[in-house]
C-alpha cells in the first residue's frame, strides 16, 4: 500500500512540475522570430539570394531554427527539473504534516471523551 502511495505521490509531483514548466516555458519564450518564408521573401526582394547562395541561406536558417528549438527544449527541461525539485520537498512536508495531524486527532479521540472529536 505504501508503494502505491509513493508512486501516486511521485506521479502527482511530476505532473505538477510538468504543467508548471510548460506554462513558464511559454511565458518566457519570445515569439518575435520571423518564419523561413518571410526571411526568404525579404532576401529575394533585397537581391541577396542568387542561384547556389539560396541553398546556403536556407541551410543557415534551418540550423538557426534547430538551435532555437534545442535551446527552448533545454530551457523547458531545466524549468521542469527546478519545478520538480522545488515541489517535491513542499509536497512531502504537506503530506507529513497532514499525516501527523490526523494521527494526533486519532490519538485525542481514543484518549479523551471530547465532544469536538
PDB file of N, CA and C in Angstrom:
ATOM      1  N   UNK A   1       0.819  -1.193   0.000  1.00  0.00           N
ATOM      2  CA  UNK A   1       0.000   0.000   0.000  1.00  0.00           C
ATOM      3  C   UNK A   1       0.864   1.258   0.000  1.00  0.00           C
ATOM      4  N   UNK A   2       1.962   1.232   0.745  1.00  0.00           N
ATOM      5  CA  UNK A   2       2.833   2.401   0.783  1.00  0.00           C
ATOM      6  C   UNK A   2       3.498   2.632  -0.566  1.00  0.00           C
ATOM      7  N   UNK A   3       3.768   1.532  -1.302  1.00  0.00           N
ATOM      8  CA  UNK A   3       4.382   1.664  -2.623  1.00  0.00           C
ATOM      9  C   UNK A   3       3.446   2.407  -3.571  1.00  0.00           C
ATOM     10  N   UNK A   4       2.156   2.058  -3.547  1.00  0.00           N
ATOM     11  CA  UNK A   4       1.190   2.741  -4.400  1.00  0.00           C
ATOM     12  C   UNK A   4       1.049   4.205  -4.012  1.00  0.00           C
ATOM     13  N   UNK A   5       1.105   4.477  -2.731  1.00  0.00           N
ATOM     14  CA  UNK A   5       1.047   5.860  -2.268  1.00  0.00           C
ATOM     15  C   UNK A   5       2.264   6.645  -2.746  1.00  0.00           C
ATOM     16  N   UNK A   6       3.423   6.022  -2.684  1.00  0.00           N
ATOM     17  CA  UNK A   6       4.648   6.670  -3.156  1.00  0.00           C
ATOM     18  C   UNK A   6       4.592   6.923  -4.657  1.00  0.00           C
ATOM     19  N   UNK A   7       4.120   5.936  -5.411  1.00  0.00           N
ATOM     20  CA  UNK A   7       4.018   6.091  -6.867  1.00  0.00           C
ATOM     21  C   UNK A   7       3.020   7.191  -7.221  1.00  0.00           C
ATOM     22  N   UNK A   8       1.886   7.211  -6.549  1.00  0.00           N
ATOM     23  CA  UNK A   8       0.897   8.250  -6.842  1.00  0.00           C
ATOM     24  C   UNK A   8       1.407   9.631  -6.446  1.00  0.00           C
ATOM     25  N   UNK A   9       2.149   9.715  -5.353  1.00  0.00           N
ATOM     26  CA  UNK A   9       2.728  10.997  -4.947  1.00  0.00           C
ATOM     27  C   UNK A   9       3.749  11.488  -5.960  1.00  0.00           C
ATOM     28  N   UNK A  10       4.634  10.602  -6.397  1.00  0.00           N
ATOM     29  CA  UNK A  10       5.630  10.995  -7.397  1.00  0.00           C
ATOM     30  C   UNK A  10       4.974  11.361  -8.722  1.00  0.00           C
ATOM     31  N   UNK A  11       3.924  10.640  -9.095  1.00  0.00           N
ATOM     32  CA  UNK A  11       3.207  10.964 -10.326  1.00  0.00           C
ATOM     33  C   UNK A  11       2.571  12.341 -10.234  1.00  0.00           C
ATOM     34  N   UNK A  12       1.967  12.639  -9.099  1.00  0.00           N
ATOM     35  CA  UNK A  12       1.360  13.950  -8.904  1.00  0.00           C
ATOM     36  C   UNK A  12       2.407  15.053  -8.969  1.00  0.00           C
ATOM     37  N   UNK A  13       3.535  14.849  -8.319  1.00  0.00           N
ATOM     38  CA  UNK A  13       4.603  15.850  -8.348  1.00  0.00           C
ATOM     39  C   UNK A  13       5.126  16.033  -9.768  1.00  0.00           C
ATOM     40  N   UNK A  14       5.323  14.934 -10.492  1.00  0.00           N
ATOM     41  CA  UNK A  14       5.802  15.026 -11.874  1.00  0.00           C
ATOM     42  C   UNK A  14       4.815  15.775 -12.760  1.00  0.00           C
ATOM     43  N   UNK A  15       3.533  15.496 -12.605  1.00  0.00           N
ATOM     44  CA  UNK A  15       2.534  16.182 -13.422  1.00  0.00           C
ATOM     45  C   UNK A  15       2.460  17.669 -13.093  1.00  0.00           C
ATOM     46  N   UNK A  16       2.515  18.002 -11.809  1.00  0.00           N
ATOM     47  CA  UNK A  16       2.516  19.416 -11.430  1.00  0.00           C
ATOM     48  C   UNK A  16       3.754  20.135 -11.942  1.00  0.00           C
ATOM     49  N   UNK A  17       4.906  19.488 -11.839  1.00  0.00           N
ATOM     50  CA  UNK A  17       6.141  20.094 -12.335  1.00  0.00           C
ATOM     51  C   UNK A  17       6.098  20.259 -13.849  1.00  0.00           C
ATOM     52  N   UNK A  18       5.547  19.275 -14.539  1.00  0.00           N
ATOM     53  CA  UNK A  18       5.438  19.364 -15.994  1.00  0.00           C
ATOM     54  C   UNK A  18       4.499  20.496 -16.403  1.00  0.00           C
ATOM     55  N   UNK A  19       3.366  20.597 -15.737  1.00  0.00           N
ATOM     56  CA  UNK A  19       2.430  21.676 -16.033  1.00  0.00           C
ATOM     57  C   UNK A  19       3.062  23.037 -15.773  1.00  0.00           C
ATOM     58  N   UNK A  20       3.722  23.165 -14.638  1.00  0.00           N
ATOM     59  CA  UNK A  20       4.380  24.427 -14.302  1.00  0.00           C
ATOM     60  C   UNK A  20       5.482  24.764 -15.298  1.00  0.00           C
ATOM     61  N   UNK A  21       6.247  23.776 -15.713  1.00  0.00           N
ATOM     62  CA  UNK A  21       7.334  24.047 -16.653  1.00  0.00           C
ATOM     63  C   UNK A  21       6.805  24.425 -18.030  1.00  0.00           C
ATOM     64  N   UNK A  22       5.711  23.806 -18.456  1.00  0.00           N
ATOM     65  CA  UNK A  22       5.123  24.179 -19.749  1.00  0.00           C
ATOM     66  C   UNK A  22       4.619  25.618 -19.709  1.00  0.00           C
ATOM     67  N   UNK A  23       3.922  25.965 -18.641  1.00  0.00           N
ATOM     68  CA  UNK A  23       3.409  27.333 -18.513  1.00  0.00           C
ATOM     69  C   UNK A  23       4.554  28.337 -18.469  1.00  0.00           C
ATOM     70  N   UNK A  24       5.569  28.075 -17.663  1.00  0.00           N
ATOM     71  CA  UNK A  24       6.697  29.003 -17.573  1.00  0.00           C
ATOM     72  C   UNK A  24       7.489  29.074 -18.871  1.00  0.00           C
ATOM     73  N   UNK A  25       7.599  27.972 -19.586  1.00  0.00           N
ATOM     74  CA  UNK A  25       8.305  27.989 -20.868  1.00  0.00           C
ATOM     75  C   UNK A  25       7.575  28.865 -21.868  1.00  0.00           C
ATOM     76  N   UNK A  26       6.256  28.742 -21.933  1.00  0.00           N
ATOM     77  CA  UNK A  26       5.506  29.572 -22.869  1.00  0.00           C
ATOM     78  C   UNK A  26       5.503  31.036 -22.452  1.00  0.00           C
ATOM     79  N   UNK A  27       5.491  31.296 -21.155  1.00  0.00           N
ATOM     80  CA  UNK A  27       5.507  32.685 -20.701  1.00  0.00           C
ATOM     81  C   UNK A  27       6.852  33.362 -20.941  1.00  0.00           C
ATOM     82  N   UNK A  28       7.930  32.602 -20.880  1.00  0.00           N
ATOM     83  CA  UNK A  28       9.256  33.210 -21.014  1.00  0.00           C
ATOM     84  C   UNK A  28       9.832  33.126 -22.418  1.00  0.00           C
ATOM     85  N   UNK A  29       9.175  32.413 -23.334  1.00  0.00           N
ATOM     86  CA  UNK A  29       9.723  32.311 -24.692  1.00  0.00           C
ATOM     87  C   UNK A  29       9.257  33.495 -25.527  1.00  0.00           C
ATOM     88  N   UNK A  30      10.159  33.998 -26.359  1.00  0.00           N
ATOM     89  CA  UNK A  30       9.815  35.130 -27.216  1.00  0.00           C
ATOM     90  C   UNK A  30       9.203  34.614 -28.509  1.00  0.00           C
ATOM     91  N   UNK A  31       8.277  35.389 -29.049  1.00  0.00           N
ATOM     92  CA  UNK A  31       7.585  34.985 -30.265  1.00  0.00           C
ATOM     93  C   UNK A  31       7.801  36.011 -31.372  1.00  0.00           C
ATOM     94  N   UNK A  32       8.961  36.642 -31.391  1.00  0.00           N
ATOM     95  CA  UNK A  32       9.218  37.696 -32.363  1.00  0.00           C
ATOM     96  C   UNK A  32      10.085  37.240 -33.528  1.00  0.00           C
ATOM     97  N   UNK A  33      10.315  35.945 -33.685  1.00  0.00           N
ATOM     98  CA  UNK A  33      11.158  35.460 -34.775  1.00  0.00           C
ATOM     99  C   UNK A  33      10.344  35.357 -36.062  1.00  0.00           C
ATOM    100  N   UNK A  34      11.002  35.593 -37.177  1.00  0.00           N
ATOM    101  CA  UNK A  34      10.355  35.519 -38.481  1.00  0.00           C
ATOM    102  C   UNK A  34      10.372  34.085 -38.978  1.00  0.00           C
ATOM    103  N   UNK A  35       9.394  33.761 -39.819  1.00  0.00           N
ATOM    104  CA  UNK A  35       9.370  32.423 -40.399  1.00  0.00           C
ATOM    105  C   UNK A  35      10.376  32.344 -41.540  1.00  0.00           C
ATOM    106  N   UNK A  36      10.677  31.140 -41.945  1.00  0.00           N
ATOM    107  CA  UNK A  36      11.633  30.923 -43.031  1.00  0.00           C
ATOM    108  C   UNK A  36      11.144  31.561 -44.322  1.00  0.00           C
ATOM    109  N   UNK A  37       9.850  31.460 -44.595  1.00  0.00           N
ATOM    110  CA  UNK A  37       9.325  32.050 -45.833  1.00  0.00           C
ATOM    111  C   UNK A  37       9.444  33.570 -45.816  1.00  0.00           C
ATOM    112  N   UNK A  38       9.249  34.209 -44.654  1.00  0.00           N
ATOM    113  CA  UNK A  38       9.426  35.663 -44.550  1.00  0.00           C
ATOM    114  C   UNK A  38      10.864  36.066 -44.825  1.00  0.00           C
ATOM    115  N   UNK A  39      11.798  35.326 -44.252  1.00  0.00           N
ATOM    116  CA  UNK A  39      13.218  35.645 -44.440  1.00  0.00           C
ATOM    117  C   UNK A  39      13.623  35.460 -45.896  1.00  0.00           C
ATOM    118  N   UNK A  40      13.146  34.386 -46.520  1.00  0.00           N
ATOM    119  CA  UNK A  40      13.480  34.157 -47.929  1.00  0.00           C
ATOM    120  C   UNK A  40      12.847  35.205 -48.835  1.00  0.00           C
ATOM    121  N   UNK A  41      11.626  35.634 -48.525  1.00  0.00           N
ATOM    122  CA  UNK A  41      10.986  36.676 -49.334  1.00  0.00           C
ATOM    123  C   UNK A  41      11.755  37.989 -49.233  1.00  0.00           C
ATOM    124  N   UNK A  42      12.180  38.351 -48.042  1.00  0.00           N
ATOM    125  CA  UNK A  42      12.974  39.575 -47.858  1.00  0.00           C
ATOM    126  C   UNK A  42      14.303  39.447 -48.581  1.00  0.00           C
ATOM    127  N   UNK A  43      14.927  38.291 -48.478  1.00  0.00           N
ATOM    128  CA  UNK A  43      16.218  38.089 -49.136  1.00  0.00           C
ATOM    129  C   UNK A  43      16.086  38.174 -50.652  1.00  0.00           C
ATOM    130  N   UNK A  44      14.996  37.643 -51.209  1.00  0.00           N
ATOM    131  CA  UNK A  44      14.795  37.734 -52.661  1.00  0.00           C
ATOM    132  C   UNK A  44      14.566  39.180 -53.086  1.00  0.00           C
ATOM    133  N   UNK A  45      13.761  39.914 -52.297  1.00  0.00           N
ATOM    134  CA  UNK A  45      13.497  41.316 -52.627  1.00  0.00           C
ATOM    135  C   UNK A  45      14.767  42.154 -52.577  1.00  0.00           C
ATOM    136  N   UNK A  46      15.618  41.869 -51.632  1.00  0.00           N
ATOM    137  CA  UNK A  46      16.851  42.634 -51.484  1.00  0.00           C
ATOM    138  C   UNK A  46      17.935  42.172 -52.451  1.00  0.00           C
ATOM    139  N   UNK A  47      17.696  41.067 -53.129  1.00  0.00           N
ATOM    140  CA  UNK A  47      18.681  40.564 -54.078  1.00  0.00           C
ATOM    141  C   UNK A  47      19.819  39.806 -53.426  1.00  0.00           C
ATOM    142  N   UNK A  48      19.588  39.276 -52.234  1.00  0.00           N
ATOM    143  CA  UNK A  48      20.653  38.558 -51.529  1.00  0.00           C
ATOM    144  C   UNK A  48      20.786  37.117 -52.001  1.00  0.00           C
ATOM    145  N   UNK A  49      19.737  36.586 -52.616  1.00  0.00           N
ATOM    146  CA  UNK A  49      19.758  35.178 -52.998  1.00  0.00           C
ATOM    147  C   UNK A  49      19.953  35.074 -54.504  1.00  0.00           C
ATOM    148  N   UNK A  50      21.041  34.486 -54.912  1.00  0.00           N
ATOM    149  CA  UNK A  50      21.335  34.271 -56.330  1.00  0.00           C
ATOM    150  C   UNK A  50      21.823  32.846 -56.492  1.00  0.00           C
ATOM    151  N   UNK A  51      21.054  32.018 -57.169  1.00  0.00           N
ATOM    152  CA  UNK A  51      21.483  30.664 -57.509  1.00  0.00           C
ATOM    153  C   UNK A  51      21.876  29.815 -56.318  1.00  0.00           C
ATOM    154  N   UNK A  52      23.178  29.388 -56.257  1.00  0.00           N
ATOM    155  CA  UNK A  52      23.602  28.462 -55.202  1.00  0.00           C
ATOM    156  C   UNK A  52      23.582  29.081 -53.804  1.00  0.00           C
ATOM    157  N   UNK A  53      23.568  30.416 -53.723  1.00  0.00           N
ATOM    158  CA  UNK A  53      23.521  31.053 -52.406  1.00  0.00           C
ATOM    159  C   UNK A  53      22.196  30.790 -51.701  1.00  0.00           C
ATOM    160  N   UNK A  54      21.158  30.538 -52.489  1.00  0.00           N
ATOM    161  CA  UNK A  54      19.846  30.298 -51.895  1.00  0.00           C
ATOM    162  C   UNK A  54      19.878  29.068 -50.988  1.00  0.00           C
ATOM    163  N   UNK A  55      20.537  28.025 -51.423  1.00  0.00           N
ATOM    164  CA  UNK A  55      20.623  26.806 -50.608  1.00  0.00           C
ATOM    165  C   UNK A  55      21.371  27.071 -49.307  1.00  0.00           C
ATOM    166  N   UNK A  56      22.423  27.873 -49.372  1.00  0.00           N
ATOM    167  CA  UNK A  56      23.171  28.154 -48.146  1.00  0.00           C
ATOM    168  C   UNK A  56      22.345  28.996 -47.178  1.00  0.00           C
ATOM    169  N   UNK A  57      21.538  29.927 -47.704  1.00  0.00           N
ATOM    170  CA  UNK A  57      20.676  30.734 -46.834  1.00  0.00           C
ATOM    171  C   UNK A  57      19.635  29.846 -46.164  1.00  0.00           C
ATOM    172  N   UNK A  58      19.041  28.950 -46.946  1.00  0.00           N
ATOM    173  CA  UNK A  58      18.040  28.039 -46.378  1.00  0.00           C
ATOM    174  C   UNK A  58      18.684  27.141 -45.323  1.00  0.00           C
ATOM    175  N   UNK A  59      19.888  26.636 -45.610  1.00  0.00           N
ATOM    176  CA  UNK A  59      20.575  25.765 -44.661  1.00  0.00           C
ATOM    177  C   UNK A  59      20.933  26.518 -43.384  1.00  0.00           C
ATOM    178  N   UNK A  60      21.400  27.753 -43.501  1.00  0.00           N
ATOM    179  CA  UNK A  60      21.732  28.542 -42.308  1.00  0.00           C
ATOM    180  C   UNK A  60      20.487  28.832 -41.482  1.00  0.00           C
ATOM    181  N   UNK A  61      19.383  29.135 -42.156  1.00  0.00           N
ATOM    182  CA  UNK A  61      18.141  29.385 -41.430  1.00  0.00           C
ATOM    183  C   UNK A  61      17.661  28.106 -40.738  1.00  0.00           C
ATOM    184  N   UNK A  62      17.804  26.975 -41.409  1.00  0.00           N
ATOM    185  CA  UNK A  62      17.429  25.698 -40.799  1.00  0.00           C
ATOM    186  C   UNK A  62      18.275  25.426 -39.552  1.00  0.00           C
ATOM    187  N   UNK A  63      19.573  25.675 -39.630  1.00  0.00           N
ATOM    188  CA  UNK A  63      20.443  25.472 -38.469  1.00  0.00           C
ATOM    189  C   UNK A  63      20.075  26.422 -37.334  1.00  0.00           C
ATOM    190  N   UNK A  64      19.746  27.665 -37.680  1.00  0.00           N
ATOM    191  CA  UNK A  64      19.348  28.625 -36.645  1.00  0.00           C
ATOM    192  C   UNK A  64      18.055  28.180 -35.969  1.00  0.00           C
ATOM    193  N   UNK A  65      17.105  27.703 -36.758  1.00  0.00           N
ATOM    194  CA  UNK A  65      15.839  27.219 -36.183  1.00  0.00           C
ATOM    195  C   UNK A  65      16.071  25.997 -35.292  1.00  0.00           C
ATOM    196  N   UNK A  66      16.915  25.075 -35.755  1.00  0.00           N
ATOM    197  CA  UNK A  66      17.219  23.883 -34.966  1.00  0.00           C
ATOM    198  C   UNK A  66      17.857  24.269 -33.641  1.00  0.00           C
ATOM    199  N   UNK A  67      18.763  25.236 -33.680  1.00  0.00           N
ATOM    200  CA  UNK A  67      19.411  25.704 -32.457  1.00  0.00           C
ATOM    201  C   UNK A  67      18.389  26.363 -31.528  1.00  0.00           C
ATOM    202  N   UNK A  68      17.466  27.144 -32.093  1.00  0.00           N
ATOM    203  CA  UNK A  68      16.448  27.807 -31.273  1.00  0.00           C
ATOM    204  C   UNK A  68      15.521  26.786 -30.620  1.00  0.00           C
ATOM    205  N   UNK A  69      15.143  25.757 -31.371  1.00  0.00           N
ATOM    206  CA  UNK A  69      14.275  24.714 -30.813  1.00  0.00           C
ATOM    207  C   UNK A  69      15.009  23.946 -29.714  1.00  0.00           C
ATOM    208  N   UNK A  70      16.278  23.633 -29.953  1.00  0.00           N
ATOM    209  CA  UNK A  70      17.064  22.923 -28.935  1.00  0.00           C
ATOM    210  C   UNK A  70      17.212  23.781 -27.682  1.00  0.00           C
ATOM    211  N   UNK A  71      17.392  25.085 -27.863  1.00  0.00           N
ATOM    212  CA  UNK A  71      17.505  25.989 -26.714  1.00  0.00           C
ATOM    213  C   UNK A  71      16.194  26.016 -25.930  1.00  0.00           C
ATOM    214  N   UNK A  72      15.066  26.065 -26.643  1.00  0.00           N
ATOM    215  CA  UNK A  72      13.769  26.072 -25.980  1.00  0.00           C
ATOM    216  C   UNK A  72      13.520  24.760 -25.247  1.00  0.00           C
ATOM    217  N   UNK A  73      13.901  23.633 -25.859  1.00  0.00           N
ATOM    218  CA  UNK A  73      13.735  22.338 -25.194  1.00  0.00           C
ATOM    219  C   UNK A  73      14.612  22.241 -23.949  1.00  0.00           C
ATOM    220  N   UNK A  74      15.836  22.730 -24.043  1.00  0.00           N
ATOM    221  CA  UNK A  74      16.721  22.710 -22.873  1.00  0.00           C
ATOM    222  C   UNK A  74      16.163  23.594 -21.766  1.00  0.00           C
ATOM    223  N   UNK A  75      15.627  24.737 -22.143  1.00  0.00           N
ATOM    224  CA  UNK A  75      15.026  25.644 -21.161  1.00  0.00           C
ATOM    225  C   UNK A  75      13.822  24.974 -20.498  1.00  0.00           C
ATOM    226  N   UNK A  76      13.010  24.286 -21.298  1.00  0.00           N
ATOM    227  CA  UNK A  76      11.846  23.586 -20.763  1.00  0.00           C
ATOM    228  C   UNK A  76      12.262  22.486 -19.792  1.00  0.00           C
ATOM    229  N   UNK A  77      13.276  21.715 -20.152  1.00  0.00           N
ATOM    230  CA  UNK A  77      13.760  20.640 -19.281  1.00  0.00           C
ATOM    231  C   UNK A  77      14.326  21.214 -17.988  1.00  0.00           C
ATOM    232  N   UNK A  78      15.064  22.304 -18.080  1.00  0.00           N
ATOM    233  CA  UNK A  78      15.636  22.932 -16.888  1.00  0.00           C
ATOM    234  C   UNK A  78      14.542  23.447 -15.959  1.00  0.00           C
ATOM    235  N   UNK A  79      13.538  24.096 -16.516  1.00  0.00           N
ATOM    236  CA  UNK A  79      12.427  24.586 -15.693  1.00  0.00           C
ATOM    237  C   UNK A  79      11.692  23.411 -15.051  1.00  0.00           C
ATOM    238  N   UNK A  80      11.514  22.317 -15.809  1.00  0.00           N
ATOM    239  CA  UNK A  80      10.852  21.133 -15.262  1.00  0.00           C
ATOM    240  C   UNK A  80      11.627  20.566 -14.077  1.00  0.00           C
ATOM    241  N   UNK A  81      12.944  20.447 -14.223  1.00  0.00           N
ATOM    242  CA  UNK A  81      13.752  19.896 -13.128  1.00  0.00           C
ATOM    243  C   UNK A  81      13.715  20.795 -11.898  1.00  0.00           C
ATOM    244  N   UNK A  82      13.809  22.097 -12.115  1.00  0.00           N
ATOM    245  CA  UNK A  82      13.742  23.027 -10.983  1.00  0.00           C
ATOM    246  C   UNK A  82      12.384  22.913 -10.299  1.00  0.00           C
ATOM    247  N   UNK A  83      11.309  22.886 -11.087  1.00  0.00           N
ATOM    248  CA  UNK A  83       9.967  22.772 -10.507  1.00  0.00           C
ATOM    249  C   UNK A  83       9.806  21.463  -9.745  1.00  0.00           C
ATOM    250  N   UNK A  84      10.345  20.377 -10.301  1.00  0.00           N
ATOM    251  CA  UNK A  84      10.231  19.085  -9.628  1.00  0.00           C
ATOM    252  C   UNK A  84      10.948  19.105  -8.288  1.00  0.00           C
ATOM    253  N   UNK A  85      12.173  19.628  -8.264  1.00  0.00           N
ATOM    254  CA  UNK A  85      12.934  19.612  -7.018  1.00  0.00           C
ATOM    255  C   UNK A  85      12.467  20.668  -6.026  1.00  0.00           C
ATOM    256  N   UNK A  86      11.716  21.655  -6.480  1.00  0.00           N
ATOM    257  CA  UNK A  86      11.115  22.616  -5.552  1.00  0.00           C
ATOM    258  C   UNK A  86       9.799  22.063  -5.010  1.00  0.00           C
ATOM    259  N   UNK A  87       9.011  21.437  -5.884  1.00  0.00           N
ATOM    260  CA  UNK A  87       7.711  20.925  -5.447  1.00  0.00           C
ATOM    261  C   UNK A  87       7.817  19.685  -4.565  1.00  0.00           C
ATOM    262  N   UNK A  88       8.824  18.865  -4.784  1.00  0.00           N
ATOM    263  CA  UNK A  88       8.950  17.619  -4.015  1.00  0.00           C
ATOM    264  C   UNK A  88       9.032  17.854  -2.510  1.00  0.00           C
ATOM    265  N   UNK A  89       9.969  18.685  -2.018  1.00  0.00           N
ATOM    266  CA  UNK A  89      10.017  18.887  -0.562  1.00  0.00           C
ATOM    267  C   UNK A  89       8.766  19.551  -0.007  1.00  0.00           C
ATOM    268  N   UNK A  90       8.185  20.464  -0.781  1.00  0.00           N
ATOM    269  CA  UNK A  90       6.956  21.115  -0.316  1.00  0.00           C
ATOM    270  C   UNK A  90       5.848  20.079  -0.187  1.00  0.00           C
ATOM    271  N   UNK A  91       5.703  19.221  -1.183  1.00  0.00           N
ATOM    272  CA  UNK A  91       4.666  18.192  -1.150  1.00  0.00           C
ATOM    273  C   UNK A  91       4.883  17.233   0.014  1.00  0.00           C
ATOM    274  N   UNK A  92       6.118  16.775   0.196  1.00  0.00           N
ATOM    275  CA  UNK A  92       6.398  15.841   1.291  1.00  0.00           C
ATOM    276  C   UNK A  92       6.153  16.501   2.643  1.00  0.00           C
ATOM    277  N   UNK A  93       6.467  17.789   2.797  1.00  0.00           N
ATOM    278  CA  UNK A  93       6.229  18.497   4.051  1.00  0.00           C
ATOM    279  C   UNK A  93       4.731  18.579   4.332  1.00  0.00           C
ATOM    280  N   UNK A  94       3.941  18.897   3.305  1.00  0.00           N
ATOM    281  CA  UNK A  94       2.491  18.986   3.480  1.00  0.00           C
ATOM    282  C   UNK A  94       1.912  17.622   3.846  1.00  0.00           C
ATOM    283  N   UNK A  95       2.334  16.577   3.145  1.00  0.00           N
ATOM    284  CA  UNK A  95       1.830  15.226   3.440  1.00  0.00           C
ATOM    285  C   UNK A  95       2.217  14.809   4.850  1.00  0.00           C
ATOM    286  N   UNK A  96       3.450  15.101   5.252  1.00  0.00           N
ATOM    287  CA  UNK A  96       3.912  14.737   6.598  1.00  0.00           C
ATOM    288  C   UNK A  96       3.093  15.453   7.664  1.00  0.00           C
ATOM    289  N   UNK A  97       2.831  16.740   7.474  1.00  0.00           N
ATOM    290  CA  UNK A  97       2.061  17.489   8.464  1.00  0.00           C
ATOM    291  C   UNK A  97       0.606  17.046   8.510  1.00  0.00           C
ATOM    292  N   UNK A  98       0.027  16.732   7.370  1.00  0.00           N
ATOM    293  CA  UNK A  98      -1.354  16.245   7.362  1.00  0.00           C
ATOM    294  C   UNK A  98      -1.434  14.887   8.047  1.00  0.00           C
ATOM    295  N   UNK A  99      -0.455  14.027   7.780  1.00  0.00           N
ATOM    296  CA  UNK A  99      -0.435  12.703   8.407  1.00  0.00           C
ATOM    297  C   UNK A  99      -0.268  12.817   9.914  1.00  0.00           C
ATOM    298  N   UNK A 100       0.645  13.670  10.361  1.00  0.00           N
ATOM    299  CA  UNK A 100       0.843  13.814  11.809  1.00  0.00           C
ATOM    300  C   UNK A 100      -0.373  14.459  12.465  1.00  0.00           C
ATOM    301  N   UNK A 101      -1.037  15.373  11.773  1.00  0.00           N
ATOM    302  CA  UNK A 101      -2.242  15.989  12.332  1.00  0.00           C
ATOM    303  C   UNK A 101      -3.366  14.963  12.449  1.00  0.00           C
ATOM    304  N   UNK A 102      -3.516  14.109  11.448  1.00  0.00           N
ATOM    305  CA  UNK A 102      -4.572  13.093  11.530  1.00  0.00           C
ATOM    306  C   UNK A 102      -4.274  12.076  12.625  1.00  0.00           C
ATOM    307  N   UNK A 103      -2.993  11.735  12.824  1.00  0.00           N
ATOM    308  CA  UNK A 103      -2.632  10.823  13.915  1.00  0.00           C
ATOM    309  C   UNK A 103      -2.902  11.470  15.272  1.00  0.00           C
ATOM    310  N   UNK A 104      -2.642  12.748  15.396  1.00  0.00           N
ATOM    311  CA  UNK A 104      -2.918  13.461  16.643  1.00  0.00           C
ATOM    312  C   UNK A 104      -4.413  13.458  16.936  1.00  0.00           C
ATOM    313  N   UNK A 105      -5.212  13.692  15.921  1.00  0.00           N
ATOM    314  CA  UNK A 105      -6.665  13.694  16.115  1.00  0.00           C
ATOM    315  C   UNK A 105      -7.147  12.306  16.518  1.00  0.00           C
ATOM    316  N   UNK A 106      -6.611  11.258  15.884  1.00  0.00           N
ATOM    317  CA  UNK A 106      -6.987   9.890  16.258  1.00  0.00           C
ATOM    318  C   UNK A 106      -6.603   9.597  17.708  1.00  0.00           C
ATOM    319  N   UNK A 107      -5.422  10.037  18.117  1.00  0.00           N
ATOM    320  CA  UNK A 107      -4.974   9.825  19.496  1.00  0.00           C
ATOM    321  C   UNK A 107      -5.889  10.555  20.474  1.00  0.00           C
ATOM    322  N   UNK A 108      -6.257  11.776  20.147  1.00  0.00           N
ATOM    323  CA  UNK A 108      -7.152  12.535  21.020  1.00  0.00           C
ATOM    324  C   UNK A 108      -8.532  11.889  21.096  1.00  0.00           C
ATOM    325  N   UNK A 109      -9.007  11.351  19.994  1.00  0.00           N
ATOM    326  CA  UNK A 109     -10.314  10.689  20.009  1.00  0.00           C
ATOM    327  C   UNK A 109     -10.300   9.448  20.894  1.00  0.00           C
ATOM    328  N   UNK A 110      -9.208   8.684  20.819  1.00  0.00           N
ATOM    329  CA  UNK A 110      -9.109   7.466  21.620  1.00  0.00           C
ATOM    330  C   UNK A 110      -8.890   7.775  23.100  1.00  0.00           C
ATOM    331  N   UNK A 111      -8.101   8.773  23.402  1.00  0.00           N
ATOM    332  CA  UNK A 111      -7.703   9.022  24.781  1.00  0.00           C
ATOM    333  C   UNK A 111      -8.663   9.888  25.569  1.00  0.00           C
ATOM    334  N   UNK A 112      -9.447  10.694  24.904  1.00  0.00           N
ATOM    335  CA  UNK A 112     -10.305  11.641  25.613  1.00  0.00           C
ATOM    336  C   UNK A 112     -11.738  11.516  25.119  1.00  0.00           C
ATOM    337  N   UNK A 113     -12.636  11.805  26.030  1.00  0.00           N
ATOM    338  CA  UNK A 113     -14.049  11.826  25.662  1.00  0.00           C
ATOM    339  C   UNK A 113     -14.426  13.284  25.425  1.00  0.00           C
ATOM    340  N   UNK A 114     -14.083  13.754  24.267  1.00  0.00           N
ATOM    341  CA  UNK A 114     -14.291  15.167  23.953  1.00  0.00           C
ATOM    342  C   UNK A 114     -15.382  15.268  22.890  1.00  0.00           C
ATOM    343  N   UNK A 115     -16.307  16.203  23.043  1.00  0.00           N
ATOM    344  CA  UNK A 115     -17.407  16.307  22.087  1.00  0.00           C
ATOM    345  C   UNK A 115     -16.960  16.893  20.746  1.00  0.00           C
ATOM    346  N   UNK A 116     -15.792  17.537  20.695  1.00  0.00           N
ATOM    347  CA  UNK A 116     -15.320  18.100  19.425  1.00  0.00           C
ATOM    348  C   UNK A 116     -14.723  17.035  18.522  1.00  0.00           C
ATOM    349  N   UNK A 117     -14.216  15.962  19.096  1.00  0.00           N
ATOM    350  CA  UNK A 117     -13.588  14.911  18.302  1.00  0.00           C
ATOM    351  C   UNK A 117     -14.486  13.714  18.304  1.00  0.00           C
TER     352      UNK A 117
END
